[in-house]
Amino acid sequence: MYGTVYKIEFYIKKSQSNRILEWWKDRYKHLKIYSIKPWTGEQCTTTVKKALAYGGINNIDWDTLTPDGILEDLQTEIKSTSFQHKNEKAIITLIKKEAEDWNP
């Protein structure tokens, strides 16, 4: 799953969108260290969860720590909050599969 890329879409209220954008803009003022090892830096999955939570989207499993795990959570737990698309599940689109000749 290292090189597999997905697009994940769900609809949220404008107020939630504004808060999440505010969170990311503030976040990228001062870049931090990211890591797959929690003791050496913040994980990418945790960062995404924090952004969603800041926007009021809290229905995601906080015990998930892997990209595969957060993908599964987004597929099963996240639901749209906008009036027009209320409770619709996230749309997951495969953008690129991992190259078969990749060797870690």
PDB file of N, CA and C in Angstrom:
ATOM      1  N   MET A   1       0.813  -1.204   0.000  1.00  0.00           N
ATOM      2  CA  MET A   1       0.000   0.000   0.000  1.00  0.00           C
ATOM      3  C   MET A   1       0.858   1.270   0.000  1.00  0.00           C
ATOM      4  N   TYR A   2       2.177   1.163   0.010  1.00  0.00           N
ATOM      5  CA  TYR A   2       3.023   2.348   0.090  1.00  0.00           C
ATOM      6  C   TYR A   2       2.765   3.333  -1.038  1.00  0.00           C
ATOM      7  N   GLY A   3       2.579   2.848  -2.247  1.00  0.00           N
ATOM      8  CA  GLY A   3       2.429   3.743  -3.390  1.00  0.00           C
ATOM      9  C   GLY A   3       1.032   3.797  -3.945  1.00  0.00           C
ATOM     10  N   THR A   4       0.069   3.207  -3.271  1.00  0.00           N
ATOM     11  CA  THR A   4      -1.311   3.252  -3.732  1.00  0.00           C
ATOM     12  C   THR A   4      -1.928   4.576  -3.298  1.00  0.00           C
ATOM     13  N   VAL A   5      -2.607   5.243  -4.235  1.00  0.00           N
ATOM     14  CA  VAL A   5      -3.174   6.563  -3.970  1.00  0.00           C
ATOM     15  C   VAL A   5      -4.679   6.522  -4.191  1.00  0.00           C
ATOM     16  N   TYR A   6      -5.421   7.047  -3.218  1.00  0.00           N
ATOM     17  CA  TYR A   6      -6.878   7.115  -3.305  1.00  0.00           C
ATOM     18  C   TYR A   6      -7.341   8.556  -3.186  1.00  0.00           C
ATOM     19  N   LYS A   7      -8.466   8.849  -3.794  1.00  0.00           N
ATOM     20  CA  LYS A   7      -9.170  10.109  -3.562  1.00  0.00           C
ATOM     21  C   LYS A   7     -10.371   9.768  -2.696  1.00  0.00           C
ATOM     22  N   ILE A   8     -10.546  10.498  -1.609  1.00  0.00           N
ATOM     23  CA  ILE A   8     -11.632  10.240  -0.668  1.00  0.00           C
ATOM     24  C   ILE A   8     -12.490  11.495  -0.602  1.00  0.00           C
ATOM     25  N   GLU A   9     -13.769  11.340  -0.931  1.00  0.00           N
ATOM     26  CA  GLU A   9     -14.664  12.494  -0.978  1.00  0.00           C
ATOM     27  C   GLU A   9     -15.902  12.268  -0.114  1.00  0.00           C
ATOM     28  N   PHE A  10     -16.249  13.286   0.637  1.00  0.00           N
ATOM     29  CA  PHE A  10     -17.519  13.308   1.341  1.00  0.00           C
ATOM     30  C   PHE A  10     -17.903  14.769   1.520  1.00  0.00           C
ATOM     31  N   TYR A  11     -19.167  15.012   1.705  1.00  0.00           N
ATOM     32  CA  TYR A  11     -19.692  16.374   1.788  1.00  0.00           C
ATOM     33  C   TYR A  11     -19.870  16.793   3.240  1.00  0.00           C
ATOM     34  N   ILE A  12     -19.434  18.025   3.522  1.00  0.00           N
ATOM     35  CA  ILE A  12     -19.585  18.543   4.875  1.00  0.00           C
ATOM     36  C   ILE A  12     -20.180  19.948   4.810  1.00  0.00           C
ATOM     37  N   LYS A  13     -20.640  20.392   5.963  1.00  0.00           N
ATOM     38  CA  LYS A  13     -21.196  21.739   6.056  1.00  0.00           C
ATOM     39  C   LYS A  13     -20.097  22.767   5.805  1.00  0.00           C
ATOM     40  N   LYS A  14     -20.484  23.909   5.280  1.00  0.00           N
ATOM     41  CA  LYS A  14     -19.532  24.988   4.991  1.00  0.00           C
ATOM     42  C   LYS A  14     -18.757  25.394   6.250  1.00  0.00           C
ATOM     43  N   SER A  15     -19.433  25.456   7.389  1.00  0.00           N
ATOM     44  CA  SER A  15     -18.756  25.843   8.634  1.00  0.00           C
ATOM     45  C   SER A  15     -17.672  24.826   8.997  1.00  0.00           C
ATOM     46  N   GLN A  16     -17.932  23.542   8.759  1.00  0.00           N
ATOM     47  CA  GLN A  16     -16.926  22.511   9.036  1.00  0.00           C
ATOM     48  C   GLN A  16     -15.756  22.643   8.062  1.00  0.00           C
ATOM     49  N   SER A  17     -16.077  22.873   6.807  1.00  0.00           N
ATOM     50  CA  SER A  17     -15.047  23.045   5.788  1.00  0.00           C
ATOM     51  C   SER A  17     -14.130  24.221   6.136  1.00  0.00           C
ATOM     52  N   ASN A  18     -14.723  25.331   6.546  1.00  0.00           N
ATOM     53  CA  ASN A  18     -13.932  26.506   6.903  1.00  0.00           C
ATOM     54  C   ASN A  18     -12.999  26.212   8.062  1.00  0.00           C
ATOM     55  N   ARG A  19     -13.491  25.491   9.071  1.00  0.00           N
ATOM     56  CA  ARG A  19     -12.656  25.166  10.232  1.00  0.00           C
ATOM     57  C   ARG A  19     -11.505  24.239   9.839  1.00  0.00           C
ATOM     58  N   ILE A  20     -11.784  23.247   8.992  1.00  0.00           N
ATOM     59  CA  ILE A  20     -10.731  22.317   8.563  1.00  0.00           C
ATOM     60  C   ILE A  20      -9.679  23.050   7.734  1.00  0.00           C
ATOM     61  N   LEU A  21     -10.110  23.919   6.826  1.00  0.00           N
ATOM     62  CA  LEU A  21      -9.150  24.709   6.039  1.00  0.00           C
ATOM     63  C   LEU A  21      -8.304  25.599   6.941  1.00  0.00           C
ATOM     64  N   GLU A  22      -8.929  26.204   7.937  1.00  0.00           N
ATOM     65  CA  GLU A  22      -8.209  27.026   8.911  1.00  0.00           C
ATOM     66  C   GLU A  22      -7.154  26.182   9.622  1.00  0.00           C
ATOM     67  N   TRP A  23      -7.524  24.959  10.014  1.00  0.00           N
ATOM     68  CA  TRP A  23      -6.602  24.075  10.710  1.00  0.00           C
ATOM     69  C   TRP A  23      -5.378  23.769   9.842  1.00  0.00           C
ATOM     70  N   TRP A  24      -5.616  23.407   8.561  1.00  0.00           N
ATOM     71  CA  TRP A  24      -4.505  23.065   7.675  1.00  0.00           C
ATOM     72  C   TRP A  24      -3.622  24.269   7.370  1.00  0.00           C
ATOM     73  N   LYS A  25      -4.230  25.441   7.168  1.00  0.00           N
ATOM     74  CA  LYS A  25      -3.421  26.644   6.904  1.00  0.00           C
ATOM     75  C   LYS A  25      -2.529  26.943   8.100  1.00  0.00           C
ATOM     76  N   ASP A  26      -3.079  26.850   9.302  1.00  0.00           N
ATOM     77  CA  ASP A  26      -2.292  27.073  10.508  1.00  0.00           C
ATOM     78  C   ASP A  26      -1.200  26.006  10.638  1.00  0.00           C
ATOM     79  N   ARG A  27      -1.556  24.797  10.305  1.00  0.00           N
ATOM     80  CA  ARG A  27      -0.615  23.666  10.392  1.00  0.00           C
ATOM     81  C   ARG A  27       0.604  23.882   9.504  1.00  0.00           C
ATOM     82  N   TYR A  28       0.380  24.358   8.292  1.00  0.00           N
ATOM     83  CA  TYR A  28       1.476  24.503   7.340  1.00  0.00           C
ATOM     84  C   TYR A  28       2.246  25.807   7.477  1.00  0.00           C
ATOM     85  N   LYS A  29       1.888  26.637   8.449  1.00  0.00           N
ATOM     86  CA  LYS A  29       2.720  27.804   8.756  1.00  0.00           C
ATOM     87  C   LYS A  29       4.069  27.321   9.268  1.00  0.00           C
ATOM     88  N   HIS A  30       4.026  26.266  10.079  1.00  0.00           N
ATOM     89  CA  HIS A  30       5.233  25.714  10.692  1.00  0.00           C
ATOM     90  C   HIS A  30       5.190  24.195  10.518  1.00  0.00           C
ATOM     91  N   LEU A  31       5.870  23.710   9.498  1.00  0.00           N
ATOM     92  CA  LEU A  31       5.867  22.276   9.238  1.00  0.00           C
ATOM     93  C   LEU A  31       6.529  21.521  10.376  1.00  0.00           C
ATOM     94  N   LYS A  32       6.013  20.344  10.637  1.00  0.00           N
ATOM     95  CA  LYS A  32       6.532  19.515  11.725  1.00  0.00           C
ATOM     96  C   LYS A  32       7.074  18.207  11.163  1.00  0.00           C
ATOM     97  N   ILE A  33       7.622  17.398  12.018  1.00  0.00           N
ATOM     98  CA  ILE A  33       8.162  16.100  11.630  1.00  0.00           C
ATOM     99  C   ILE A  33       7.032  15.070  11.642  1.00  0.00           C
ATOM    100  N   TYR A  34       6.961  14.286  10.576  1.00  0.00           N
ATOM    101  CA  TYR A  34       5.985  13.207  10.491  1.00  0.00           C
ATOM    102  C   TYR A  34       6.731  11.885  10.474  1.00  0.00           C
ATOM    103  N   SER A  35       6.101  10.858  10.994  1.00  0.00           N
ATOM    104  CA  SER A  35       6.763   9.569  11.062  1.00  0.00           C
ATOM    105  C   SER A  35       5.734   8.461  11.166  1.00  0.00           C
ATOM    106  N   ILE A  36       6.134   7.258  10.757  1.00  0.00           N
ATOM    107  CA  ILE A  36       5.278   6.105  10.999  1.00  0.00           C
ATOM    108  C   ILE A  36       5.558   5.521  12.377  1.00  0.00           C
ATOM    109  N   LYS A  37       6.556   6.064  13.051  1.00  0.00           N
ATOM    110  CA  LYS A  37       6.885   5.641  14.414  1.00  0.00           C
ATOM    111  C   LYS A  37       6.434   6.755  15.359  1.00  0.00           C
ATOM    112  N   PRO A  38       5.403   6.514  16.163  1.00  0.00           N
ATOM    113  CA  PRO A  38       4.826   7.581  16.993  1.00  0.00           C
ATOM    114  C   PRO A  38       5.819   8.312  17.892  1.00  0.00           C
ATOM    115  N   TRP A  39       6.869   7.660  18.337  1.00  0.00           N
ATOM    116  CA  TRP A  39       7.799   8.292  19.256  1.00  0.00           C
ATOM    117  C   TRP A  39       8.781   9.235  18.563  1.00  0.00           C
ATOM    118  N   THR A  40       8.831   9.240  17.211  1.00  0.00           N
ATOM    119  CA  THR A  40       9.770  10.125  16.509  1.00  0.00           C
ATOM    120  C   THR A  40       9.086  11.295  15.813  1.00  0.00           C
ATOM    121  N   GLY A  41       7.790  11.373  15.844  1.00  0.00           N
ATOM    122  CA  GLY A  41       7.077  12.477  15.198  1.00  0.00           C
ATOM    123  C   GLY A  41       5.611  12.145  15.070  1.00  0.00           C
ATOM    124  N   GLU A  42       4.835  13.113  14.628  1.00  0.00           N
ATOM    125  CA  GLU A  42       3.399  12.897  14.477  1.00  0.00           C
ATOM    126  C   GLU A  42       3.117  12.092  13.223  1.00  0.00           C
ATOM    127  N   GLN A  43       2.187  11.166  13.323  1.00  0.00           N
ATOM    128  CA  GLN A  43       1.840  10.323  12.179  1.00  0.00           C
ATOM    129  C   GLN A  43       0.884  11.043  11.231  1.00  0.00           C
ATOM    130  N   CYS A  44       0.953  10.694   9.951  1.00  0.00           N
ATOM    131  CA  CYS A  44       0.066  11.311   8.965  1.00  0.00           C
ATOM    132  C   CYS A  44      -1.392  10.996   9.279  1.00  0.00           C
ATOM    133  N   THR A  45      -1.688   9.784   9.734  1.00  0.00           N
ATOM    134  CA  THR A  45      -3.074   9.424  10.042  1.00  0.00           C
ATOM    135  C   THR A  45      -3.609  10.245  11.202  1.00  0.00           C
ATOM    136  N   THR A  46      -2.788  10.464  12.211  1.00  0.00           N
ATOM    137  CA  THR A  46      -3.199  11.271  13.360  1.00  0.00           C
ATOM    138  C   THR A  46      -3.458  12.709  12.931  1.00  0.00           C
ATOM    139  N   THR A  47      -2.644  13.228  12.043  1.00  0.00           N
ATOM    140  CA  THR A  47      -2.803  14.598  11.563  1.00  0.00           C
ATOM    141  C   THR A  47      -4.127  14.759  10.828  1.00  0.00           C
ATOM    142  N   VAL A  48      -4.464  13.817   9.981  1.00  0.00           N
ATOM    143  CA  VAL A  48      -5.743  13.868   9.258  1.00  0.00           C
ATOM    144  C   VAL A  48      -6.902  13.815  10.251  1.00  0.00           C
ATOM    145  N   LYS A  49      -6.812  12.941  11.220  1.00  0.00           N
ATOM    146  CA  LYS A  49      -7.881  12.818  12.222  1.00  0.00           C
ATOM    147  C   LYS A  49      -8.047  14.108  13.017  1.00  0.00           C
ATOM    148  N   LYS A  50      -6.930  14.737  13.376  1.00  0.00           N
ATOM    149  CA  LYS A  50      -7.008  15.993  14.122  1.00  0.00           C
ATOM    150  C   LYS A  50      -7.703  17.072  13.293  1.00  0.00           C
ATOM    151  N   ALA A  51      -7.389  17.136  12.005  1.00  0.00           N
ATOM    152  CA  ALA A  51      -8.017  18.132  11.135  1.00  0.00           C
ATOM    153  C   ALA A  51      -9.519  17.890  11.052  1.00  0.00           C
ATOM    154  N   LEU A  52      -9.917  16.640  10.864  1.00  0.00           N
ATOM    155  CA  LEU A  52     -11.342  16.318  10.791  1.00  0.00           C
ATOM    156  C   LEU A  52     -12.042  16.647  12.112  1.00  0.00           C
ATOM    157  N   ALA A  53     -11.410  16.292  13.222  1.00  0.00           N
ATOM    158  CA  ALA A  53     -11.998  16.561  14.535  1.00  0.00           C
ATOM    159  C   ALA A  53     -12.144  18.061  14.767  1.00  0.00           C
ATOM    160  N   TYR A  54     -11.179  18.843  14.331  1.00  0.00           N
ATOM    161  CA  TYR A  54     -11.250  20.295  14.483  1.00  0.00           C
ATOM    162  C   TYR A  54     -12.468  20.849  13.742  1.00  0.00           C
ATOM    163  N   GLY A  55     -12.812  20.189  12.646  1.00  0.00           N
ATOM    164  CA  GLY A  55     -13.996  20.595  11.876  1.00  0.00           C
ATOM    165  C   GLY A  55     -15.285  20.009  12.405  1.00  0.00           C
ATOM    166  N   GLY A  56     -15.212  19.221  13.466  1.00  0.00           N
ATOM    167  CA  GLY A  56     -16.413  18.654  14.063  1.00  0.00           C
ATOM    168  C   GLY A  56     -16.787  17.286  13.529  1.00  0.00           C
ATOM    169  N   ILE A  57     -15.869  16.643  12.829  1.00  0.00           N
ATOM    170  CA  ILE A  57     -16.112  15.306  12.296  1.00  0.00           C
ATOM    171  C   ILE A  57     -15.367  14.333  13.205  1.00  0.00           C
ATOM    172  N   ASN A  58     -16.087  13.800  14.171  1.00  0.00           N
ATOM    173  CA  ASN A  58     -15.461  13.004  15.222  1.00  0.00           C
ATOM    174  C   ASN A  58     -15.789  11.520  15.141  1.00  0.00           C
ATOM    175  N   ASN A  59     -16.558  11.114  14.154  1.00  0.00           N
ATOM    176  CA  ASN A  59     -16.970   9.710  14.087  1.00  0.00           C
ATOM    177  C   ASN A  59     -15.938   8.870  13.335  1.00  0.00           C
ATOM    178  N   ILE A  60     -14.731   8.845  13.891  1.00  0.00           N
ATOM    179  CA  ILE A  60     -13.643   8.052  13.318  1.00  0.00           C
ATOM    180  C   ILE A  60     -12.894   7.398  14.473  1.00  0.00           C
ATOM    181  N   ASP A  61     -12.423   6.204  14.253  1.00  0.00           N
ATOM    182  CA  ASP A  61     -11.754   5.418  15.299  1.00  0.00           C
ATOM    183  C   ASP A  61     -10.382   6.012  15.606  1.00  0.00           C
ATOM    184  N   TRP A  62     -10.198   6.522  16.805  1.00  0.00           N
ATOM    185  CA  TRP A  62      -8.938   7.155  17.184  1.00  0.00           C
ATOM    186  C   TRP A  62      -7.841   6.142  17.479  1.00  0.00           C
ATOM    187  N   ASP A  63      -8.168   4.858  17.523  1.00  0.00           N
ATOM    188  CA  ASP A  63      -7.149   3.834  17.748  1.00  0.00           C
ATOM    189  C   ASP A  63      -6.429   3.444  16.460  1.00  0.00           C
ATOM    190  N   THR A  64      -6.957   3.849  15.323  1.00  0.00           N
ATOM    191  CA  THR A  64      -6.348   3.510  14.039  1.00  0.00           C
ATOM    192  C   THR A  64      -5.073   4.317  13.843  1.00  0.00           C
ATOM    193  N   LEU A  65      -3.979   3.630  13.502  1.00  0.00           N
ATOM    194  CA  LEU A  65      -2.704   4.318  13.332  1.00  0.00           C
ATOM    195  C   LEU A  65      -2.039   4.077  11.981  1.00  0.00           C
ATOM    196  N   THR A  66      -2.646   3.289  11.117  1.00  0.00           N
ATOM    197  CA  THR A  66      -2.015   2.991   9.836  1.00  0.00           C
ATOM    198  C   THR A  66      -2.807   3.598   8.685  1.00  0.00           C
ATOM    199  N   PRO A  67      -2.161   3.861   7.554  1.00  0.00           N
ATOM    200  CA  PRO A  67      -2.895   4.355   6.379  1.00  0.00           C
ATOM    201  C   PRO A  67      -4.005   3.392   5.945  1.00  0.00           C
ATOM    202  N   ASP A  68      -3.742   2.083   5.985  1.00  0.00           N
ATOM    203  CA  ASP A  68      -4.787   1.104   5.646  1.00  0.00           C
ATOM    204  C   ASP A  68      -5.969   1.217   6.602  1.00  0.00           C
ATOM    205  N   GLY A  69      -5.662   1.411   7.877  1.00  0.00           N
ATOM    206  CA  GLY A  69      -6.712   1.519   8.887  1.00  0.00           C
ATOM    207  C   GLY A  69      -7.560   2.759   8.717  1.00  0.00           C
ATOM    208  N   ILE A  70      -6.926   3.893   8.427  1.00  0.00           N
ATOM    209  CA  ILE A  70      -7.713   5.117   8.260  1.00  0.00           C
ATOM    210  C   ILE A  70      -8.536   5.051   6.974  1.00  0.00           C
ATOM    211  N   LEU A  71      -8.000   4.395   5.949  1.00  0.00           N
ATOM    212  CA  LEU A  71      -8.790   4.209   4.727  1.00  0.00           C
ATOM    213  C   LEU A  71     -10.055   3.418   5.041  1.00  0.00           C
ATOM    214  N   GLU A  72      -9.911   2.351   5.800  1.00  0.00           N
ATOM    215  CA  GLU A  72     -11.074   1.549   6.181  1.00  0.00           C
ATOM    216  C   GLU A  72     -12.056   2.378   7.013  1.00  0.00           C
ATOM    217  N   ASP A  73     -11.529   3.158   7.960  1.00  0.00           N
ATOM    218  CA  ASP A  73     -12.399   4.018   8.772  1.00  0.00           C
ATOM    219  C   ASP A  73     -13.157   5.017   7.908  1.00  0.00           C
ATOM    220  N   LEU A  74     -12.461   5.616   6.952  1.00  0.00           N
ATOM    221  CA  LEU A  74     -13.121   6.587   6.082  1.00  0.00           C
ATOM    222  C   LEU A  74     -14.198   5.920   5.227  1.00  0.00           C
ATOM    223  N   GLN A  75     -13.973   4.674   4.856  1.00  0.00           N
ATOM    224  CA  GLN A  75     -14.972   3.947   4.066  1.00  0.00           C
ATOM    225  C   GLN A  75     -16.190   3.573   4.897  1.00  0.00           C
ATOM    226  N   THR A  76     -15.998   3.280   6.167  1.00  0.00           N
ATOM    227  CA  THR A  76     -17.089   2.728   6.969  1.00  0.00           C
ATOM    228  C   THR A  76     -17.685   3.700   7.982  1.00  0.00           C
ATOM    229  N   GLU A  77     -16.887   4.635   8.497  1.00  0.00           N
ATOM    230  CA  GLU A  77     -17.354   5.471   9.595  1.00  0.00           C
ATOM    231  C   GLU A  77     -17.725   6.900   9.209  1.00  0.00           C
ATOM    232  N   ILE A  78     -17.068   7.450   8.209  1.00  0.00           N
ATOM    233  CA  ILE A  78     -17.328   8.840   7.838  1.00  0.00           C
ATOM    234  C   ILE A  78     -18.596   8.922   6.994  1.00  0.00           C
ATOM    235  N   LYS A  79     -19.440   9.864   7.371  1.00  0.00           N
ATOM    236  CA  LYS A  79     -20.660  10.114   6.597  1.00  0.00           C
ATOM    237  C   LYS A  79     -20.766  11.606   6.348  1.00  0.00           C
ATOM    238  N   SER A  80     -21.318  11.958   5.204  1.00  0.00           N
ATOM    239  CA  SER A  80     -21.490  13.367   4.854  1.00  0.00           C
ATOM    240  C   SER A  80     -22.398  14.059   5.854  1.00  0.00           C
ATOM    241  N   THR A  81     -22.098  15.333   6.109  1.00  0.00           N
ATOM    242  CA  THR A  81     -22.887  16.110   7.061  1.00  0.00           C
ATOM    243  C   THR A  81     -23.673  17.226   6.392  1.00  0.00           C
ATOM    244  N   SER A  82     -23.427  17.466   5.107  1.00  0.00           N
ATOM    245  CA  SER A  82     -24.143  18.551   4.430  1.00  0.00           C
ATOM    246  C   SER A  82     -25.624  18.205   4.325  1.00  0.00           C
ATOM    247  N   PHE A  83     -26.445  19.223   4.260  1.00  0.00           N
ATOM    248  CA  PHE A  83     -27.896  19.027   4.198  1.00  0.00           C
ATOM    249  C   PHE A  83     -28.272  18.166   2.985  1.00  0.00           C
ATOM    250  N   GLN A  84     -27.720  18.494   1.833  1.00  0.00           N
ATOM    251  CA  GLN A  84     -28.078  17.815   0.586  1.00  0.00           C
ATOM    252  C   GLN A  84     -27.609  16.359   0.529  1.00  0.00           C
ATOM    253  N   HIS A  85     -26.523  16.038   1.192  1.00  0.00           N
ATOM    254  CA  HIS A  85     -25.942  14.688   1.103  1.00  0.00           C
ATOM    255  C   HIS A  85     -25.869  14.001   2.466  1.00  0.00           C
ATOM    256  N   LYS A  86     -26.677  14.437   3.405  1.00  0.00           N
ATOM    257  CA  LYS A  86     -26.621  13.963   4.798  1.00  0.00           C
ATOM    258  C   LYS A  86     -26.546  12.439   4.883  1.00  0.00           C
ATOM    259  N   ASN A  87     -25.586  11.959   5.660  1.00  0.00           N
ATOM    260  CA  ASN A  87     -25.364  10.543   5.972  1.00  0.00           C
ATOM    261  C   ASN A  87     -24.901   9.677   4.803  1.00  0.00           C
ATOM    262  N   GLU A  88     -24.568  10.274   3.665  1.00  0.00           N
ATOM    263  CA  GLU A  88     -23.997   9.479   2.563  1.00  0.00           C
ATOM    264  C   GLU A  88     -22.583   9.073   2.959  1.00  0.00           C
ATOM    265  N   LYS A  89     -22.186   7.875   2.567  1.00  0.00           N
ATOM    266  CA  LYS A  89     -20.831   7.398   2.844  1.00  0.00           C
ATOM    267  C   LYS A  89     -19.832   8.095   1.933  1.00  0.00           C
ATOM    268  N   ALA A  90     -18.589   8.087   2.356  1.00  0.00           N
ATOM    269  CA  ALA A  90     -17.505   8.664   1.558  1.00  0.00           C
ATOM    270  C   ALA A  90     -17.354   7.889   0.251  1.00  0.00           C
ATOM    271  N   ILE A  91     -16.970   8.601  -0.787  1.00  0.00           N
ATOM    272  CA  ILE A  91     -16.697   7.990  -2.081  1.00  0.00           C
ATOM    273  C   ILE A  91     -15.187   7.801  -2.178  1.00  0.00           C
ATOM    274  N   ILE A  92     -14.753   6.569  -2.368  1.00  0.00           N
ATOM    275  CA  ILE A  92     -13.334   6.228  -2.438  1.00  0.00           C
ATOM    276  C   ILE A  92     -13.010   5.864  -3.887  1.00  0.00           C
ATOM    277  N   THR A  93     -12.067   6.593  -4.467  1.00  0.00           N
ATOM    278  CA  THR A  93     -11.668   6.342  -5.857  1.00  0.00           C
ATOM    279  C   THR A  93     -10.184   6.004  -5.890  1.00  0.00           C
ATOM    280  N   LEU A  94      -9.842   4.886  -6.506  1.00  0.00           N
ATOM    281  CA  LEU A  94      -8.439   4.511  -6.669  1.00  0.00           C
ATOM    282  C   LEU A  94      -7.830   5.395  -7.757  1.00  0.00           C
ATOM    283  N   ILE A  95      -6.786   6.113  -7.416  1.00  0.00           N
ATOM    284  CA  ILE A  95      -6.098   6.993  -8.360  1.00  0.00           C
ATOM    285  C   ILE A  95      -4.928   6.256  -9.018  1.00  0.00           C
ATOM    286  N   LYS A  96      -4.142   5.547  -8.196  1.00  0.00           N
ATOM    287  CA  LYS A  96      -2.963   4.846  -8.715  1.00  0.00           C
ATOM    288  C   LYS A  96      -2.656   3.652  -7.831  1.00  0.00           C
ATOM    289  N   LYS A  97      -2.444   2.516  -8.453  1.00  0.00           N
ATOM    290  CA  LYS A  97      -2.014   1.321  -7.714  1.00  0.00           C
ATOM    291  C   LYS A  97      -0.500   1.339  -7.541  1.00  0.00           C
ATOM    292  N   GLU A  98      -0.050   0.648  -6.519  1.00  0.00           N
ATOM    293  CA  GLU A  98       1.378   0.502  -6.294  1.00  0.00           C
ATOM    294  C   GLU A  98       1.984  -0.257  -7.463  1.00  0.00           C
ATOM    295  N   ALA A  99       3.148   0.169  -7.902  1.00  0.00           N
ATOM    296  CA  ALA A  99       3.865  -0.529  -8.968  1.00  0.00           C
ATOM    297  C   ALA A  99       4.189  -1.942  -8.510  1.00  0.00           C
ATOM    298  N   GLU A 100       3.979  -2.915  -9.369  1.00  0.00           N
ATOM    299  CA  GLU A 100       4.209  -4.306  -8.988  1.00  0.00           C
ATOM    300  C   GLU A 100       5.680  -4.650  -8.812  1.00  0.00           C
ATOM    301  N   ASP A 101       6.558  -3.852  -9.409  1.00  0.00           N
ATOM    302  CA  ASP A 101       7.996  -4.148  -9.307  1.00  0.00           C
ATOM    303  C   ASP A 101       8.657  -3.391  -8.149  1.00  0.00           C
ATOM    304  N   TRP A 102       7.865  -2.745  -7.294  1.00  0.00           N
ATOM    305  CA  TRP A 102       8.438  -2.012  -6.161  1.00  0.00           C
ATOM    306  C   TRP A 102       8.856  -2.978  -5.078  1.00  0.00           C
ATOM    307  N   ASN A 103      10.039  -2.766  -4.499  1.00  0.00           N
ATOM    308  CA  ASN A 103      10.574  -3.640  -3.486  1.00  0.00           C
ATOM    309  C   ASN A 103      11.114  -2.794  -2.340  1.00  0.00           C
ATOM    310  N   PRO A 104      10.435  -2.805  -1.179  1.00  0.00           N
ATOM    311  CA  PRO A 104      10.905  -1.941  -0.068  1.00  0.00           C
ATOM    312  C   PRO A 104      12.241  -2.372   0.503  1.00  0.00           C
TER     313      PRO A 104
END
